[in-house]
PDB file of N, CA and C in Angstrom:
ATOM      1  N   MET A   1      48.544  24.176  -9.717  1.00  0.00           N
ATOM      2  CA  MET A   1      47.316  24.618 -10.352  1.00  0.00           C
ATOM      3  C   MET A   1      46.838  25.870  -9.628  1.00  0.00           C
ATOM      4  N   SER A   2      46.511  26.882 -10.389  1.00  0.00           N
ATOM      5  CA  SER A   2      46.104  28.144  -9.789  1.00  0.00           C
ATOM      6  C   SER A   2      44.665  28.065  -9.286  1.00  0.00           C
ATOM      7  N   ARG A   3      44.310  29.026  -8.483  1.00  0.00           N
ATOM      8  CA  ARG A   3      42.954  29.108  -7.958  1.00  0.00           C
ATOM      9  C   ARG A   3      41.946  29.262  -9.097  1.00  0.00           C
ATOM     10  N   MET A   4      42.299  30.004 -10.123  1.00  0.00           N
ATOM     11  CA  MET A   4      41.412  30.215 -11.268  1.00  0.00           C
ATOM     12  C   MET A   4      41.209  28.918 -12.048  1.00  0.00           C
ATOM     13  N   GLN A   5      42.270  28.142 -12.214  1.00  0.00           N
ATOM     14  CA  GLN A   5      42.148  26.862 -12.920  1.00  0.00           C
ATOM     15  C   GLN A   5      41.277  25.881 -12.124  1.00  0.00           C
ATOM     16  N   ARG A   6      41.438  25.861 -10.795  1.00  0.00           N
ATOM     17  CA  ARG A   6      40.606  24.980  -9.967  1.00  0.00           C
ATOM     18  C   ARG A   6      39.144  25.383 -10.054  1.00  0.00           C
ATOM     19  N   ALA A   7      38.862  26.670 -10.049  1.00  0.00           N
ATOM     20  CA  ALA A   7      37.482  27.149 -10.147  1.00  0.00           C
ATOM     21  C   ALA A   7      36.889  26.776 -11.499  1.00  0.00           C
ATOM     22  N   ALA A   8      37.681  26.859 -12.566  1.00  0.00           N
ATOM     23  CA  ALA A   8      37.197  26.501 -13.900  1.00  0.00           C
ATOM     24  C   ALA A   8      36.898  25.012 -13.978  1.00  0.00           C
ATOM     25  N   LEU A   9      37.738  24.186 -13.360  1.00  0.00           N
ATOM     26  CA  LEU A   9      37.512  22.743 -13.381  1.00  0.00           C
ATOM     27  C   LEU A   9      36.269  22.349 -12.585  1.00  0.00           C
ATOM     28  N   SER A  10      36.017  23.038 -11.481  1.00  0.00           N
ATOM     29  CA  SER A  10      34.845  22.692 -10.673  1.00  0.00           C
ATOM     30  C   SER A  10      33.552  23.118 -11.350  1.00  0.00           C
ATOM     31  N   ALA A  11      33.612  24.018 -12.330  1.00  0.00           N
ATOM     32  CA  ALA A  11      32.420  24.479 -13.022  1.00  0.00           C
ATOM     33  C   ALA A  11      32.050  23.575 -14.190  1.00  0.00           C
ATOM     34  N   ILE A  12      32.908  22.629 -14.559  1.00  0.00           N
ATOM     35  CA  ILE A  12      32.620  21.730 -15.679  1.00  0.00           C
ATOM     36  C   ILE A  12      31.617  20.675 -15.223  1.00  0.00           C
ATOM     37  N   PRO A  13      30.461  20.592 -15.890  1.00  0.00           N
ATOM     38  CA  PRO A  13      29.484  19.573 -15.477  1.00  0.00           C
ATOM     39  C   PRO A  13      30.005  18.172 -15.794  1.00  0.00           C
ATOM     40  N   LEU A  14      29.783  17.270 -14.873  1.00  0.00           N
ATOM     41  CA  LEU A  14      30.209  15.889 -15.055  1.00  0.00           C
ATOM     42  C   LEU A  14      29.049  15.053 -15.560  1.00  0.00           C
ATOM     43  N   ASP A  15      29.342  14.128 -16.433  1.00  0.00           N
ATOM     44  CA  ASP A  15      28.310  13.212 -16.899  1.00  0.00           C
ATOM     45  C   ASP A  15      27.969  12.240 -15.774  1.00  0.00           C
ATOM     46  N   PRO A  16      26.694  11.863 -15.666  1.00  0.00           N
ATOM     47  CA  PRO A  16      26.333  10.879 -14.644  1.00  0.00           C
ATOM     48  C   PRO A  16      26.967   9.532 -14.981  1.00  0.00           C
ATOM     49  N   PRO A  17      27.196   8.700 -13.977  1.00  0.00           N
ATOM     50  CA  PRO A  17      27.784   7.392 -14.261  1.00  0.00           C
ATOM     51  C   PRO A  17      26.830   6.545 -15.095  1.00  0.00           C
ATOM     52  N   LEU A  18      27.374   5.769 -15.984  1.00  0.00           N
ATOM     53  CA  LEU A  18      26.568   4.899 -16.829  1.00  0.00           C
ATOM     54  C   LEU A  18      26.603   3.495 -16.242  1.00  0.00           C
ATOM     55  N   ILE A  19      25.432   3.008 -15.869  1.00  0.00           N
ATOM     56  CA  ILE A  19      25.300   1.637 -15.367  1.00  0.00           C
ATOM     57  C   ILE A  19      24.329   0.934 -16.294  1.00  0.00           C
ATOM     58  N   GLN A  20      24.757  -0.133 -16.889  1.00  0.00           N
ATOM     59  CA  GLN A  20      23.915  -0.827 -17.860  1.00  0.00           C
ATOM     60  C   GLN A  20      23.796  -2.296 -17.469  1.00  0.00           C
ATOM     61  N   PHE A  21      22.555  -2.755 -17.387  1.00  0.00           N
ATOM     62  CA  PHE A  21      22.272  -4.158 -17.096  1.00  0.00           C
ATOM     63  C   PHE A  21      21.730  -4.806 -18.356  1.00  0.00           C
ATOM     64  N   ASP A  22      22.164  -6.003 -18.644  1.00  0.00           N
ATOM     65  CA  ASP A  22      21.566  -6.744 -19.753  1.00  0.00           C
ATOM     66  C   ASP A  22      20.188  -7.253 -19.364  1.00  0.00           C
ATOM     67  N   ALA A  23      20.049  -7.674 -18.118  1.00  0.00           N
ATOM     68  CA  ALA A  23      18.766  -8.164 -17.630  1.00  0.00           C
ATOM     69  C   ALA A  23      18.768  -8.105 -16.110  1.00  0.00           C
ATOM     70  N   ILE A  24      17.599  -7.940 -15.552  1.00  0.00           N
ATOM     71  CA  ILE A  24      17.423  -8.007 -14.108  1.00  0.00           C
ATOM     72  C   ILE A  24      16.420  -9.118 -13.837  1.00  0.00           C
ATOM     73  N   HIS A  25      16.835 -10.102 -13.077  1.00  0.00           N
ATOM     74  CA  HIS A  25      15.970 -11.223 -12.732  1.00  0.00           C
ATOM     75  C   HIS A  25      15.636 -11.141 -11.248  1.00  0.00           C
ATOM     76  N   VAL A  26      14.358 -11.125 -10.937  1.00  0.00           N
ATOM     77  CA  VAL A  26      13.914 -11.049  -9.550  1.00  0.00           C
ATOM     78  C   VAL A  26      13.272 -12.381  -9.199  1.00  0.00           C
ATOM     79  N   ASN A  27      13.874 -13.081  -8.261  1.00  0.00           N
ATOM     80  CA  ASN A  27      13.329 -14.371  -7.836  1.00  0.00           C
ATOM     81  C   ASN A  27      12.319 -14.214  -6.716  1.00  0.00           C
ATOM     82  N   ALA A  28      12.485 -13.214  -5.877  1.00  0.00           N
ATOM     83  CA  ALA A  28      11.558 -13.002  -4.765  1.00  0.00           C
ATOM     84  C   ALA A  28      11.659 -11.562  -4.302  1.00  0.00           C
ATOM     85  N   ILE A  29      10.542 -11.033  -3.838  1.00  0.00           N
ATOM     86  CA  ILE A  29      10.502  -9.712  -3.241  1.00  0.00           C
ATOM     87  C   ILE A  29      10.232  -9.913  -1.755  1.00  0.00           C
ATOM     88  N   SER A  30      11.068  -9.333  -0.925  1.00  0.00           N
ATOM     89  CA  SER A  30      10.853  -9.453   0.509  1.00  0.00           C
ATOM     90  C   SER A  30      10.554  -8.076   1.094  1.00  0.00           C
ATOM     91  N   ASP A  31      10.388  -8.033   2.391  1.00  0.00           N
ATOM     92  CA  ASP A  31      10.052  -6.778   3.058  1.00  0.00           C
ATOM     93  C   ASP A  31      11.100  -5.707   2.769  1.00  0.00           C
ATOM     94  N   ALA A  32      10.640  -4.495   2.631  1.00  0.00           N
ATOM     95  CA  ALA A  32      11.490  -3.325   2.420  1.00  0.00           C
ATOM     96  C   ALA A  32      12.308  -3.439   1.144  1.00  0.00           C
ATOM     97  N   SER A  33      11.741  -4.000   0.110  1.00  0.00           N
ATOM     98  CA  SER A  33      12.428  -4.144  -1.164  1.00  0.00           C
ATOM     99  C   SER A  33      11.743  -3.289  -2.218  1.00  0.00           C
ATOM    100  N   GLY A  34      12.471  -2.994  -3.266  1.00  0.00           N
ATOM    101  CA  GLY A  34      11.878  -2.242  -4.356  1.00  0.00           C
ATOM    102  C   GLY A  34      12.734  -2.324  -5.594  1.00  0.00           C
ATOM    103  N   ILE A  35      12.101  -2.170  -6.726  1.00  0.00           N
ATOM    104  CA  ILE A  35      12.802  -2.094  -8.008  1.00  0.00           C
ATOM    105  C   ILE A  35      12.355  -0.779  -8.636  1.00  0.00           C
ATOM    106  N   PHE A  36      13.289   0.093  -8.890  1.00  0.00           N
ATOM    107  CA  PHE A  36      12.974   1.412  -9.405  1.00  0.00           C
ATOM    108  C   PHE A  36      13.757   1.640 -10.679  1.00  0.00           C
ATOM    109  N   ILE A  37      13.084   2.185 -11.671  1.00  0.00           N
ATOM    110  CA  ILE A  37      13.707   2.430 -12.962  1.00  0.00           C
ATOM    111  C   ILE A  37      13.506   3.895 -13.309  1.00  0.00           C
ATOM    112  N   GLY A  38      14.539   4.542 -13.765  1.00  0.00           N
ATOM    113  CA  GLY A  38      14.426   5.933 -14.165  1.00  0.00           C
ATOM    114  C   GLY A  38      14.628   6.876 -12.997  1.00  0.00           C
ATOM    115  N   THR A  39      14.357   8.127 -13.229  1.00  0.00           N
ATOM    116  CA  THR A  39      14.474   9.139 -12.182  1.00  0.00           C
ATOM    117  C   THR A  39      13.263   9.030 -11.287  1.00  0.00           C
ATOM    118  N   ASN A  40      13.484   8.791 -10.023  1.00  0.00           N
ATOM    119  CA  ASN A  40      12.358   8.611  -9.117  1.00  0.00           C
ATOM    120  C   ASN A  40      12.765   8.968  -7.706  1.00  0.00           C
ATOM    121  N   THR A  41      11.774   9.177  -6.869  1.00  0.00           N
ATOM    122  CA  THR A  41      11.979   9.467  -5.461  1.00  0.00           C
ATOM    123  C   THR A  41      10.956   8.673  -4.668  1.00  0.00           C
ATOM    124  N   GLN A  42      11.408   8.012  -3.645  1.00  0.00           N
ATOM    125  CA  GLN A  42      10.509   7.273  -2.772  1.00  0.00           C
ATOM    126  C   GLN A  42      10.215   8.151  -1.559  1.00  0.00           C
ATOM    127  N   VAL A  43       9.066   8.803  -1.582  1.00  0.00           N
ATOM    128  CA  VAL A  43       8.694   9.729  -0.529  1.00  0.00           C
ATOM    129  C   VAL A  43       7.985   8.956   0.581  1.00  0.00           C
ATOM    130  N   TYR A  44       8.356   9.234   1.810  1.00  0.00           N
ATOM    131  CA  TYR A  44       7.755   8.601   2.992  1.00  0.00           C
ATOM    132  C   TYR A  44       7.862   7.083   2.949  1.00  0.00           C
ATOM    133  N   TRP A  45       8.934   6.569   2.416  1.00  0.00           N
ATOM    134  CA  TRP A  45       9.117   5.129   2.333  1.00  0.00           C
ATOM    135  C   TRP A  45       9.803   4.673   3.612  1.00  0.00           C
ATOM    136  N   THR A  46       9.038   4.047   4.467  1.00  0.00           N
ATOM    137  CA  THR A  46       9.581   3.524   5.715  1.00  0.00           C
ATOM    138  C   THR A  46       9.136   2.082   5.853  1.00  0.00           C
ATOM    139  N   THR A  47       9.796   1.377   6.724  1.00  0.00           N
ATOM    140  CA  THR A  47       9.418  -0.006   6.949  1.00  0.00           C
ATOM    141  C   THR A  47       9.701  -0.382   8.391  1.00  0.00           C
ATOM    142  N   SER A  48       8.914  -1.249   8.890  1.00  0.00           N
ATOM    143  CA  SER A  48       9.174  -1.863  10.184  1.00  0.00           C
ATOM    144  C   SER A  48       8.459  -3.200  10.167  1.00  0.00           C
ATOM    145  N   GLY A  49       8.936  -4.092  10.947  1.00  0.00           N
ATOM    146  CA  GLY A  49       8.304  -5.397  10.949  1.00  0.00           C
ATOM    147  C   GLY A  49       8.694  -6.188  12.175  1.00  0.00           C
ATOM    148  N   LYS A  50       7.944  -7.235  12.389  1.00  0.00           N
ATOM    149  CA  LYS A  50       8.201  -8.102  13.524  1.00  0.00           C
ATOM    150  C   LYS A  50       7.660  -9.480  13.195  1.00  0.00           C
ATOM    151  N   ALA A  51       8.367 -10.467  13.632  1.00  0.00           N
ATOM    152  CA  ALA A  51       7.898 -11.845  13.454  1.00  0.00           C
ATOM    153  C   ALA A  51       8.220 -12.638  14.712  1.00  0.00           C
ATOM    154  N   ASN A  52       7.260 -13.379  15.174  1.00  0.00           N
ATOM    155  CA  ASN A  52       7.460 -14.288  16.297  1.00  0.00           C
ATOM    156  C   ASN A  52       7.264 -15.703  15.789  1.00  0.00           C
ATOM    157  N   SER A  53       8.141 -16.563  16.201  1.00  0.00           N
ATOM    158  CA  SER A  53       8.025 -17.957  15.775  1.00  0.00           C
ATOM    159  C   SER A  53       8.183 -18.844  16.999  1.00  0.00           C
ATOM    160  N   GLY A  54       7.205 -19.699  17.215  1.00  0.00           N
ATOM    161  CA  GLY A  54       7.275 -20.613  18.351  1.00  0.00           C
ATOM    162  C   GLY A  54       7.880 -21.942  17.983  1.00  0.00           C
ATOM    163  N   LEU A  55       7.962 -22.234  16.709  1.00  0.00           N
ATOM    164  CA  LEU A  55       8.479 -23.527  16.269  1.00  0.00           C
ATOM    165  C   LEU A  55       9.831 -23.401  15.590  1.00  0.00           C
ATOM    166  N   GLY A  56      10.031 -22.338  14.878  1.00  0.00           N
ATOM    167  CA  GLY A  56      11.269 -22.224  14.120  1.00  0.00           C
ATOM    168  C   GLY A  56      11.022 -22.637  12.689  1.00  0.00           C
ATOM    169  N   GLU A  57      11.883 -23.473  12.159  1.00  0.00           N
ATOM    170  CA  GLU A  57      11.773 -23.878  10.761  1.00  0.00           C
ATOM    171  C   GLU A  57      12.039 -25.365  10.626  1.00  0.00           C
ATOM    172  N   VAL A  58      11.222 -25.997   9.825  1.00  0.00           N
ATOM    173  CA  VAL A  58      11.422 -27.411   9.505  1.00  0.00           C
ATOM    174  C   VAL A  58      11.676 -27.487   8.015  1.00  0.00           C
ATOM    175  N   SER A  59      12.817 -27.986   7.619  1.00  0.00           N
ATOM    176  CA  SER A  59      13.141 -28.055   6.199  1.00  0.00           C
ATOM    177  C   SER A  59      13.724 -29.417   5.880  1.00  0.00           C
ATOM    178  N   GLY A  60      13.740 -29.716   4.614  1.00  0.00           N
ATOM    179  CA  GLY A  60      14.266 -31.008   4.179  1.00  0.00           C
ATOM    180  C   GLY A  60      13.146 -31.922   3.731  1.00  0.00           C
ATOM    181  N   GLU A  61      13.447 -33.181   3.643  1.00  0.00           N
ATOM    182  CA  GLU A  61      12.461 -34.156   3.180  1.00  0.00           C
ATOM    183  C   GLU A  61      12.125 -35.133   4.305  1.00  0.00           C
ATOM    184  N   ASN A  62      10.886 -35.600   4.293  1.00  0.00           N
ATOM    185  CA  ASN A  62      10.399 -36.605   5.244  1.00  0.00           C
ATOM    186  C   ASN A  62      10.538 -36.164   6.697  1.00  0.00           C
ATOM    187  N   ASN A  63      10.278 -34.905   6.973  1.00  0.00           N
ATOM    188  CA  ASN A  63      10.275 -34.399   8.344  1.00  0.00           C
ATOM    189  C   ASN A  63       8.839 -34.299   8.822  1.00  0.00           C
ATOM    190  N   TYR A  64       8.596 -34.677  10.059  1.00  0.00           N
ATOM    191  CA  TYR A  64       7.250 -34.645  10.620  1.00  0.00           C
ATOM    192  C   TYR A  64       7.275 -33.914  11.949  1.00  0.00           C
ATOM    193  N   VAL A  65       6.267 -33.090  12.157  1.00  0.00           N
ATOM    194  CA  VAL A  65       6.058 -32.436  13.441  1.00  0.00           C
ATOM    195  C   VAL A  65       4.688 -32.897  13.906  1.00  0.00           C
ATOM    196  N   VAL A  66       4.667 -33.667  14.996  1.00  0.00           N
ATOM    197  CA  VAL A  66       3.422 -34.287  15.452  1.00  0.00           C
ATOM    198  C   VAL A  66       3.135 -33.846  16.883  1.00  0.00           C
ATOM    199  N   ASN A  67       1.871 -33.500  17.137  1.00  0.00           N
ATOM    200  CA  ASN A  67       1.395 -33.143  18.477  1.00  0.00           C
ATOM    201  C   ASN A  67       2.254 -32.062  19.135  1.00  0.00           C
ATOM    202  N   ASN A  68       2.633 -31.095  18.370  1.00  0.00           N
ATOM    203  CA  ASN A  68       3.468 -30.011  18.876  1.00  0.00           C
ATOM    204  C   ASN A  68       2.601 -28.966  19.561  1.00  0.00           C
ATOM    205  N   VAL A  69       3.063 -28.419  20.660  1.00  0.00           N
ATOM    206  CA  VAL A  69       2.407 -27.308  21.337  1.00  0.00           C
ATOM    207  C   VAL A  69       3.460 -26.216  21.501  1.00  0.00           C
ATOM    208  N   ASN A  70       3.190 -25.051  20.915  1.00  0.00           N
ATOM    209  CA  ASN A  70       4.137 -23.943  20.973  1.00  0.00           C
ATOM    210  C   ASN A  70       3.447 -22.728  21.567  1.00  0.00           C
ATOM    211  N   THR A  71       4.157 -22.017  22.410  1.00  0.00           N
ATOM    212  CA  THR A  71       3.618 -20.809  23.019  1.00  0.00           C
ATOM    213  C   THR A  71       4.637 -19.688  22.861  1.00  0.00           C
ATOM    214  N   VAL A  72       4.150 -18.560  22.404  1.00  0.00           N
ATOM    215  CA  VAL A  72       4.992 -17.376  22.316  1.00  0.00           C
ATOM    216  C   VAL A  72       4.422 -16.360  23.287  1.00  0.00           C
ATOM    217  N   HIS A  73       5.205 -16.020  24.282  1.00  0.00           N
ATOM    218  CA  HIS A  73       4.805 -15.006  25.256  1.00  0.00           C
ATOM    219  C   HIS A  73       5.535 -13.724  24.893  1.00  0.00           C
ATOM    220  N   ASP A  74       4.811 -12.782  24.326  1.00  0.00           N
ATOM    221  CA  ASP A  74       5.404 -11.541  23.835  1.00  0.00           C
ATOM    222  C   ASP A  74       4.736 -10.377  24.548  1.00  0.00           C
ATOM    223  N   ASN A  75       5.268  -9.992  25.683  1.00  0.00           N
ATOM    224  CA  ASN A  75       4.611  -8.958  26.480  1.00  0.00           C
ATOM    225  C   ASN A  75       5.340  -7.615  26.454  1.00  0.00           C
ATOM    226  N   ASP A  76       6.246  -7.444  25.516  1.00  0.00           N
ATOM    227  CA  ASP A  76       6.917  -6.146  25.456  1.00  0.00           C
ATOM    228  C   ASP A  76       5.992  -5.101  24.851  1.00  0.00           C
ATOM    229  N   ILE A  77       6.121  -3.892  25.325  1.00  0.00           N
ATOM    230  CA  ILE A  77       5.244  -2.821  24.853  1.00  0.00           C
ATOM    231  C   ILE A  77       5.756  -2.259  23.533  1.00  0.00           C
ATOM    232  N   ILE A  78       7.059  -2.056  23.435  1.00  0.00           N
ATOM    233  CA  ILE A  78       7.674  -1.581  22.192  1.00  0.00           C
ATOM    234  C   ILE A  78       8.617  -2.670  21.713  1.00  0.00           C
ATOM    235  N   ASP A  79       8.400  -3.139  20.490  1.00  0.00           N
ATOM    236  CA  ASP A  79       9.206  -4.241  19.969  1.00  0.00           C
ATOM    237  C   ASP A  79      10.612  -3.815  19.599  1.00  0.00           C
ATOM    238  N   ALA A  80      10.753  -2.612  19.078  1.00  0.00           N
ATOM    239  CA  ALA A  80      12.073  -2.135  18.686  1.00  0.00           C
ATOM    240  C   ALA A  80      12.081  -0.619  18.826  1.00  0.00           C
ATOM    241  N   PRO A  81      13.188  -0.065  19.226  1.00  0.00           N
ATOM    242  CA  PRO A  81      13.245   1.400  19.287  1.00  0.00           C
ATOM    243  C   PRO A  81      13.155   1.987  17.883  1.00  0.00           C
ATOM    244  N   TYR A  82      12.629   3.176  17.789  1.00  0.00           N
ATOM    245  CA  TYR A  82      12.516   3.829  16.485  1.00  0.00           C
ATOM    246  C   TYR A  82      13.299   5.123  16.512  1.00  0.00           C
ATOM    247  N   THR A  83      13.642   5.579  15.319  1.00  0.00           N
ATOM    248  CA  THR A  83      14.384   6.822  15.211  1.00  0.00           C
ATOM    249  C   THR A  83      13.440   7.949  14.820  1.00  0.00           C
ATOM    250  N   LYS A  84      13.928   9.156  14.919  1.00  0.00           N
ATOM    251  CA  LYS A  84      13.110  10.331  14.615  1.00  0.00           C
ATOM    252  C   LYS A  84      12.521  10.212  13.217  1.00  0.00           C
ATOM    253  N   GLY A  85      11.207  10.360  13.116  1.00  0.00           N
ATOM    254  CA  GLY A  85      10.549  10.322  11.819  1.00  0.00           C
ATOM    255  C   GLY A  85       9.957   8.964  11.484  1.00  0.00           C
ATOM    256  N   ASP A  86      10.311   7.920  12.226  1.00  0.00           N
ATOM    257  CA  ASP A  86       9.758   6.603  11.918  1.00  0.00           C
ATOM    258  C   ASP A  86       8.288   6.510  12.284  1.00  0.00           C
ATOM    259  N   LEU A  87       7.893   7.137  13.362  1.00  0.00           N
ATOM    260  CA  LEU A  87       6.528   7.039  13.829  1.00  0.00           C
ATOM    261  C   LEU A  87       5.770   8.292  13.437  1.00  0.00           C
ATOM    262  N   VAL A  88       4.889   8.159  12.472  1.00  0.00           N
ATOM    263  CA  VAL A  88       4.052   9.282  12.044  1.00  0.00           C
ATOM    264  C   VAL A  88       2.617   8.811  12.158  1.00  0.00           C
ATOM    265  N   ILE A  89       1.865   9.433  13.050  1.00  0.00           N
ATOM    266  CA  ILE A  89       0.486   9.049  13.295  1.00  0.00           C
ATOM    267  C   ILE A  89      -0.361   9.401  12.068  1.00  0.00           C
ATOM    268  N   GLY A  90      -1.160   8.462  11.634  1.00  0.00           N
ATOM    269  CA  GLY A  90      -2.075   8.701  10.523  1.00  0.00           C
ATOM    270  C   GLY A  90      -1.526   8.332   9.162  1.00  0.00           C
ATOM    271  N   ARG A  91      -0.251   7.994   9.059  1.00  0.00           N
ATOM    272  CA  ARG A  91       0.305   7.608   7.764  1.00  0.00           C
ATOM    273  C   ARG A  91      -0.072   6.168   7.484  1.00  0.00           C
ATOM    274  N   VAL A  92      -0.501   5.932   6.263  1.00  0.00           N
ATOM    275  CA  VAL A  92      -0.875   4.570   5.866  1.00  0.00           C
ATOM    276  C   VAL A  92       0.217   4.024   4.987  1.00  0.00           C
TER     277      VAL A  92
END
C-alpha cells in the first residue's frame, strides 16, 4: 500500500461503535457510581471515602449480638494517599 493510499484511508471518518441495550436494570447505586446517557462529560468528578467498622458484619437468620462493646482507634492523620488533583480546597 502506497503512502498516498494510507493517507486516504486515515482521512475516512469512522462511524462510532453501536452499543444497544434492551434494558438497563439498576438494583443499587453505591459510592462513585453513575448512569450516563447520551453525550456527556463528568467535570470535576472525584470520589474518596472511608469506613471504619468495629463489629464487622452479622448476616443470616437468628443471629444475636448482645452486650457488645466495640472500639475503633483511628489516629492516622491521612487515611489514604491522594494523587495530583484529588485535593482541591473549596470544592463541594
